[in-house]
Amino acid sequence: MGTNAGPEWQHFEQLTQDIEILRTCLGLIFRSVIEDGKDQKFLEHLEKRIRGHDNDIKKLCSAHYQGFVDSIMELENVRSEAQDLKVGLSSDTYSFKLH
């Protein structure tokens, strides 16, 4: 078990305190929404926001995926060139040994 004085412990303690504060704030927010009778509209708003974030994530993944595909294609080209070089060196070495 780690020491209670280390930086990791302090970081975890800060996160724990943040969660406790957040829990209190979220409780007040949800109570307000429910008491106002707007819980369904609030859920619809949250779902719309989630869809927006999902679209942002898809765009980022798509952009990075194309970069990944381009890198794989370049690696295939390098492999082909390396294979050609290996064959060329082998035949040059063989030719050199004959002379």
Protein backbone atom coordinates (compact mmCIF):
# COMPACT_ATOMS: atom_id res chain seq x y z
CA MET A 1 0.00 0.00 0.00
CA GLY A 2 1.32 3.49 -0.86
CA THR A 3 2.03 6.36 1.43
CA ASN A 4 -0.62 8.98 2.18
CA ALA A 5 1.81 11.84 1.55
CA GLY A 6 2.81 11.14 -2.06
CA PRO A 7 1.75 13.16 -5.10
CA GLU A 8 -0.42 10.33 -6.42
CA TRP A 9 -2.35 10.13 -3.16
CA GLN A 10 -2.81 13.92 -3.18
CA HIS A 11 -4.08 13.76 -6.75
CA PHE A 12 -6.58 11.02 -5.85
CA GLU A 13 -7.69 12.97 -2.80
CA GLN A 14 -8.33 16.04 -4.97
CA LEU A 15 -10.32 13.93 -7.45
CA THR A 16 -12.38 12.49 -4.59
CA GLN A 17 -13.16 15.98 -3.31
CA ASP A 18 -14.10 17.10 -6.83
CA ILE A 19 -16.51 14.17 -7.14
CA GLU A 20 -18.14 15.07 -3.83
CA ILE A 21 -18.59 18.68 -4.94
CA LEU A 22 -19.90 17.59 -8.32
CA ARG A 23 -22.35 15.17 -6.72
CA THR A 24 -23.81 18.01 -4.65
CA CYS A 25 -24.09 20.29 -7.69
CA LEU A 26 -25.66 17.58 -9.86
CA GLY A 27 -28.17 16.83 -7.12
CA LEU A 28 -29.28 20.47 -7.09
CA ILE A 29 -29.49 20.57 -10.88
CA PHE A 30 -31.56 17.39 -11.15
CA ARG A 31 -33.84 18.42 -8.30
CA SER A 32 -34.50 21.75 -10.06
CA VAL A 33 -35.30 20.06 -13.39
CA ILE A 34 -37.62 17.50 -11.78
CA GLU A 35 -39.40 20.04 -9.58
CA ASP A 36 -40.03 22.24 -12.63
CA GLY A 37 -41.57 19.25 -14.43
CA LYS A 38 -39.13 19.68 -17.30
CA ASP A 39 -37.33 16.36 -16.88
CA GLN A 40 -38.44 14.98 -20.28
CA LYS A 41 -37.40 18.15 -22.11
CA PHE A 42 -34.10 18.14 -20.25
CA LEU A 43 -33.48 14.52 -21.29
CA GLU A 44 -34.25 15.43 -24.91
CA HIS A 45 -31.79 18.31 -24.66
CA LEU A 46 -29.11 16.00 -23.23
CA GLU A 47 -29.73 13.42 -25.98
CA LYS A 48 -29.34 16.12 -28.63
CA ARG A 49 -26.08 17.21 -27.03
CA ILE A 50 -24.86 13.60 -26.93
CA ARG A 51 -25.64 13.20 -30.65
CA GLY A 52 -23.62 16.35 -31.33
CA HIS A 53 -20.66 14.98 -29.41
CA ASP A 54 -21.04 11.62 -31.18
CA ASN A 55 -20.84 13.41 -34.53
CA ASP A 56 -17.71 15.28 -33.42
CA ILE A 57 -16.12 11.99 -32.36
CA LYS A 58 -17.01 10.37 -35.70
CA LYS A 59 -15.40 13.26 -37.58
CA LEU A 60 -12.21 12.98 -35.53
CA CYS A 61 -12.07 9.21 -35.97
CA SER A 62 -12.65 9.55 -39.70
CA ALA A 63 -9.82 12.07 -40.04
CA HIS A 64 -7.44 9.90 -38.06
CA TYR A 65 -8.55 6.75 -39.88
CA GLN A 66 -7.58 8.25 -43.24
CA GLY A 67 -4.16 9.10 -41.84
CA PHE A 68 -3.83 5.51 -40.61
CA VAL A 69 -4.77 4.14 -44.05
CA ASP A 70 -2.27 6.47 -45.73
CA SER A 71 0.46 5.30 -43.34
CA ILE A 72 -0.28 1.64 -44.06
CA MET A 73 -0.12 2.29 -47.80
CA GLU A 74 3.22 4.05 -47.38
CA LEU A 75 4.54 1.13 -45.33
CA GLU A 76 3.51 -1.24 -48.11
CA ASN A 77 5.48 0.90 -50.58
CA VAL A 78 8.52 0.87 -48.29
CA ARG A 79 8.23 -2.91 -47.95
CA SER A 80 8.12 -3.31 -51.72
CA GLU A 81 11.11 -1.02 -52.19
CA ALA A 82 13.02 -2.85 -49.45
CA GLN A 83 12.26 -6.18 -51.13
CA ASP A 84 13.49 -4.81 -54.47
CA LEU A 85 16.64 -3.54 -52.79
CA LYS A 86 17.21 -6.90 -51.12
CA VAL A 87 16.86 -8.73 -54.43
CA GLY A 88 19.16 -6.21 -56.10
CA LEU A 89 21.78 -6.54 -53.39
CA SER A 90 21.59 -10.32 -53.49
CA SER A 91 22.15 -10.43 -57.24
CA ASP A 92 24.96 -7.85 -57.00
CA THR A 93 26.61 -9.89 -54.24
CA TYR A 94 26.26 -13.06 -56.31
CA SER A 95 27.65 -11.28 -59.36
CA PHE A 96 30.54 -9.88 -57.29
CA LYS A 97 31.42 -13.35 -55.97
CA LEU A 98 31.58 -14.72 -59.51
CA HIS A 99 34.10 -12.12 -60.64
